[in-house]
Amino acid sequence: RIADAHANCLVNLTLFAVIVVVAGQLGKLEAIAALAPLVLYARIGQSLAHLSGTGTLNVLVRASFWAVQLALFVLMLLKLWA
């Protein structure tokens, strides 16, 4: 489960890194600064759900945390676009 949780972490890491690098290049890190910790919290929640088991509830919780991360990425991109 630990190896799977680690591999799962890498799924969104690239996208998050690209958003942060682009924000830095645009000089807009402050625009996403409030959302970045929320991504981390959702990532931790997803990892804990991944480690806790493979039951239906675990999968739903894990997917919910993943969806929160995607929504935060969209908000970050919208803030960079504005």
N, C-alpha and C. Protein backbone atom coordinates (compact mmCIF):
# COMPACT_ATOMS: atom_id res chain seq x y z
N ARG A 1 0.82 -1.20 0.00
CA ARG A 1 0.00 0.00 0.00
C ARG A 1 0.86 1.26 0.00
N ILE A 2 1.98 1.22 0.71
CA ILE A 2 2.85 2.39 0.78
C ILE A 2 3.42 2.71 -0.59
N ALA A 3 3.87 1.70 -1.31
CA ALA A 3 4.42 1.93 -2.66
C ALA A 3 3.35 2.48 -3.59
N ASP A 4 2.13 1.96 -3.47
CA ASP A 4 1.03 2.47 -4.29
C ASP A 4 0.69 3.91 -3.94
N ALA A 5 0.69 4.22 -2.65
CA ALA A 5 0.40 5.59 -2.22
C ALA A 5 1.47 6.55 -2.72
N HIS A 6 2.73 6.12 -2.70
CA HIS A 6 3.82 6.96 -3.20
C HIS A 6 3.66 7.21 -4.69
N ALA A 7 3.41 6.15 -5.45
CA ALA A 7 3.22 6.31 -6.90
C ALA A 7 2.03 7.21 -7.18
N ASN A 8 0.98 7.10 -6.37
CA ASN A 8 -0.20 7.92 -6.53
C ASN A 8 0.09 9.39 -6.29
N CYS A 9 1.03 9.68 -5.39
CA CYS A 9 1.42 11.07 -5.11
C CYS A 9 2.00 11.75 -6.34
N LEU A 10 2.67 10.98 -7.16
CA LEU A 10 3.35 11.55 -8.32
C LEU A 10 2.41 11.97 -9.43
N VAL A 11 1.18 11.50 -9.36
CA VAL A 11 0.21 11.80 -10.42
C VAL A 11 -0.02 13.30 -10.56
N ASN A 12 -0.31 13.97 -9.47
CA ASN A 12 -0.61 15.40 -9.52
C ASN A 12 0.61 16.28 -9.27
N LEU A 13 1.72 15.69 -8.84
CA LEU A 13 2.90 16.47 -8.51
C LEU A 13 3.41 17.27 -9.70
N THR A 14 3.44 16.66 -10.87
CA THR A 14 3.94 17.35 -12.06
C THR A 14 3.07 18.56 -12.39
N LEU A 15 1.78 18.37 -12.37
CA LEU A 15 0.88 19.49 -12.67
C LEU A 15 1.03 20.60 -11.65
N PHE A 16 1.10 20.25 -10.38
CA PHE A 16 1.28 21.25 -9.33
C PHE A 16 2.60 21.99 -9.53
N ALA A 17 3.66 21.26 -9.83
CA ALA A 17 4.97 21.89 -10.04
C ALA A 17 4.93 22.86 -11.22
N VAL A 18 4.27 22.47 -12.29
CA VAL A 18 4.17 23.35 -13.46
C VAL A 18 3.42 24.63 -13.10
N ILE A 19 2.33 24.50 -12.36
CA ILE A 19 1.56 25.68 -11.97
C ILE A 19 2.41 26.61 -11.11
N VAL A 20 3.16 26.05 -10.17
CA VAL A 20 4.00 26.87 -9.29
C VAL A 20 5.12 27.55 -10.09
N VAL A 21 5.75 26.81 -10.99
CA VAL A 21 6.83 27.39 -11.81
C VAL A 21 6.29 28.51 -12.69
N VAL A 22 5.15 28.28 -13.31
CA VAL A 22 4.54 29.32 -14.15
C VAL A 22 4.19 30.55 -13.31
N ALA A 23 3.63 30.32 -12.13
CA ALA A 23 3.31 31.45 -11.24
C ALA A 23 4.57 32.23 -10.89
N GLY A 24 5.64 31.52 -10.62
CA GLY A 24 6.90 32.18 -10.32
C GLY A 24 7.42 32.98 -11.49
N GLN A 25 7.34 32.41 -12.68
CA GLN A 25 7.81 33.10 -13.87
C GLN A 25 6.98 34.34 -14.18
N LEU A 26 5.70 34.26 -13.86
CA LEU A 26 4.81 35.41 -14.09
C LEU A 26 4.86 36.42 -12.94
N GLY A 27 5.58 36.08 -11.88
CA GLY A 27 5.62 36.96 -10.71
C GLY A 27 4.30 36.99 -9.96
N LYS A 28 3.56 35.88 -10.00
CA LYS A 28 2.25 35.83 -9.37
C LYS A 28 2.15 34.74 -8.30
N LEU A 29 3.25 34.47 -7.62
CA LEU A 29 3.21 33.46 -6.57
C LEU A 29 2.21 33.80 -5.48
N GLU A 30 2.06 35.09 -5.19
CA GLU A 30 1.12 35.49 -4.15
C GLU A 30 -0.32 35.17 -4.54
N ALA A 31 -0.60 35.07 -5.83
CA ALA A 31 -1.95 34.77 -6.29
C ALA A 31 -2.37 33.34 -5.93
N ILE A 32 -1.40 32.45 -5.84
CA ILE A 32 -1.73 31.05 -5.53
C ILE A 32 -1.28 30.64 -4.13
N ALA A 33 -0.66 31.54 -3.40
CA ALA A 33 -0.09 31.20 -2.10
C ALA A 33 -1.13 30.68 -1.11
N ALA A 34 -2.32 31.21 -1.15
CA ALA A 34 -3.36 30.77 -0.20
C ALA A 34 -3.90 29.39 -0.56
N LEU A 35 -3.84 29.03 -1.83
CA LEU A 35 -4.39 27.74 -2.26
C LEU A 35 -3.38 26.60 -2.16
N ALA A 36 -2.11 26.91 -2.23
CA ALA A 36 -1.08 25.87 -2.22
C ALA A 36 -1.14 24.99 -0.97
N PRO A 37 -1.29 25.54 0.23
CA PRO A 37 -1.40 24.66 1.41
C PRO A 37 -2.62 23.74 1.35
N LEU A 38 -3.70 24.23 0.76
CA LEU A 38 -4.91 23.41 0.64
C LEU A 38 -4.66 22.20 -0.25
N VAL A 39 -3.84 22.39 -1.30
CA VAL A 39 -3.46 21.27 -2.15
C VAL A 39 -2.70 20.24 -1.32
N LEU A 40 -1.78 20.71 -0.49
CA LEU A 40 -1.01 19.81 0.37
C LEU A 40 -1.93 19.05 1.32
N TYR A 41 -2.88 19.73 1.95
CA TYR A 41 -3.79 19.07 2.88
C TYR A 41 -4.64 18.01 2.16
N ALA A 42 -5.12 18.35 0.98
CA ALA A 42 -5.91 17.38 0.20
C ALA A 42 -5.03 16.20 -0.21
N ARG A 43 -3.77 16.47 -0.53
CA ARG A 43 -2.85 15.40 -0.91
C ARG A 43 -2.59 14.47 0.28
N ILE A 44 -2.43 15.05 1.46
CA ILE A 44 -2.22 14.24 2.67
C ILE A 44 -3.47 13.38 2.94
N GLY A 45 -4.63 13.99 2.81
CA GLY A 45 -5.87 13.25 2.99
C GLY A 45 -6.00 12.11 2.01
N GLN A 46 -5.65 12.35 0.76
CA GLN A 46 -5.72 11.31 -0.26
C GLN A 46 -4.75 10.18 0.08
N SER A 47 -3.55 10.52 0.50
CA SER A 47 -2.56 9.50 0.84
C SER A 47 -3.01 8.67 2.05
N LEU A 48 -3.57 9.33 3.06
CA LEU A 48 -4.06 8.60 4.24
C LEU A 48 -5.20 7.66 3.86
N ALA A 49 -6.09 8.13 3.00
CA ALA A 49 -7.18 7.26 2.54
C ALA A 49 -6.63 6.09 1.74
N HIS A 50 -5.60 6.34 0.96
CA HIS A 50 -4.97 5.28 0.17
C HIS A 50 -4.33 4.24 1.08
N LEU A 51 -3.68 4.71 2.13
CA LEU A 51 -3.01 3.79 3.05
C LEU A 51 -3.98 3.02 3.93
N SER A 52 -5.17 3.57 4.16
CA SER A 52 -6.09 2.97 5.12
C SER A 52 -6.84 1.76 4.57
N GLY A 53 -6.83 1.54 3.27
CA GLY A 53 -7.49 0.36 2.74
C GLY A 53 -8.01 0.54 1.34
N THR A 54 -8.69 -0.51 0.86
CA THR A 54 -9.17 -0.52 -0.52
C THR A 54 -10.69 -0.68 -0.60
N GLY A 55 -11.36 -0.51 0.51
CA GLY A 55 -12.82 -0.63 0.50
C GLY A 55 -13.47 0.49 -0.27
N THR A 56 -14.75 0.33 -0.50
CA THR A 56 -15.51 1.31 -1.28
C THR A 56 -15.42 2.70 -0.67
N LEU A 57 -15.59 2.79 0.64
CA LEU A 57 -15.52 4.10 1.30
C LEU A 57 -14.14 4.72 1.13
N ASN A 58 -13.09 3.92 1.26
CA ASN A 58 -11.73 4.42 1.09
C ASN A 58 -11.53 4.99 -0.31
N VAL A 59 -12.04 4.28 -1.28
CA VAL A 59 -11.89 4.72 -2.67
C VAL A 59 -12.66 6.01 -2.90
N LEU A 60 -13.85 6.12 -2.35
CA LEU A 60 -14.65 7.34 -2.50
C LEU A 60 -13.98 8.53 -1.82
N VAL A 61 -13.45 8.31 -0.64
CA VAL A 61 -12.76 9.39 0.08
C VAL A 61 -11.52 9.81 -0.70
N ARG A 62 -10.76 8.83 -1.16
CA ARG A 62 -9.54 9.12 -1.93
C ARG A 62 -9.88 9.90 -3.20
N ALA A 63 -10.92 9.49 -3.89
CA ALA A 63 -11.33 10.19 -5.11
C ALA A 63 -11.81 11.61 -4.81
N SER A 64 -12.45 11.78 -3.66
CA SER A 64 -12.92 13.12 -3.28
C SER A 64 -11.74 14.06 -3.04
N PHE A 65 -10.72 13.57 -2.32
CA PHE A 65 -9.53 14.39 -2.10
C PHE A 65 -8.83 14.70 -3.42
N TRP A 66 -8.81 13.75 -4.34
CA TRP A 66 -8.20 13.97 -5.65
C TRP A 66 -8.99 15.05 -6.41
N ALA A 67 -10.31 14.99 -6.34
CA ALA A 67 -11.14 15.98 -7.02
C ALA A 67 -10.93 17.37 -6.43
N VAL A 68 -10.75 17.44 -5.12
CA VAL A 68 -10.47 18.73 -4.47
C VAL A 68 -9.16 19.30 -5.02
N GLN A 69 -8.16 18.45 -5.18
CA GLN A 69 -6.88 18.92 -5.73
C GLN A 69 -7.07 19.47 -7.15
N LEU A 70 -7.82 18.75 -7.96
CA LEU A 70 -8.06 19.23 -9.33
C LEU A 70 -8.80 20.56 -9.33
N ALA A 71 -9.79 20.70 -8.46
CA ALA A 71 -10.52 21.96 -8.38
C ALA A 71 -9.59 23.10 -7.95
N LEU A 72 -8.70 22.81 -7.01
CA LEU A 72 -7.74 23.83 -6.58
C LEU A 72 -6.79 24.20 -7.71
N PHE A 73 -6.40 23.23 -8.52
CA PHE A 73 -5.54 23.53 -9.67
C PHE A 73 -6.26 24.45 -10.64
N VAL A 74 -7.53 24.19 -10.87
CA VAL A 74 -8.32 25.05 -11.77
C VAL A 74 -8.40 26.46 -11.20
N LEU A 75 -8.66 26.57 -9.90
CA LEU A 75 -8.70 27.90 -9.27
C LEU A 75 -7.36 28.62 -9.40
N MET A 76 -6.27 27.88 -9.20
CA MET A 76 -4.95 28.49 -9.34
C MET A 76 -4.73 29.00 -10.76
N LEU A 77 -5.10 28.18 -11.73
CA LEU A 77 -4.93 28.61 -13.13
C LEU A 77 -5.79 29.83 -13.44
N LEU A 78 -7.00 29.86 -12.90
CA LEU A 78 -7.85 31.03 -13.12
C LEU A 78 -7.24 32.28 -12.50
N LYS A 79 -6.63 32.14 -11.33
CA LYS A 79 -5.98 33.28 -10.68
C LYS A 79 -4.76 33.75 -11.49
N LEU A 80 -4.06 32.81 -12.10
CA LEU A 80 -2.92 33.19 -12.93
C LEU A 80 -3.37 33.83 -14.23
N TRP A 81 -4.50 33.41 -14.73
CA TRP A 81 -5.01 33.95 -15.99
C TRP A 81 -5.49 35.38 -15.80
N ALA A 82 -6.04 35.68 -14.63
CA ALA A 82 -6.63 37.02 -14.38
C ALA A 82 -5.54 38.09 -14.26
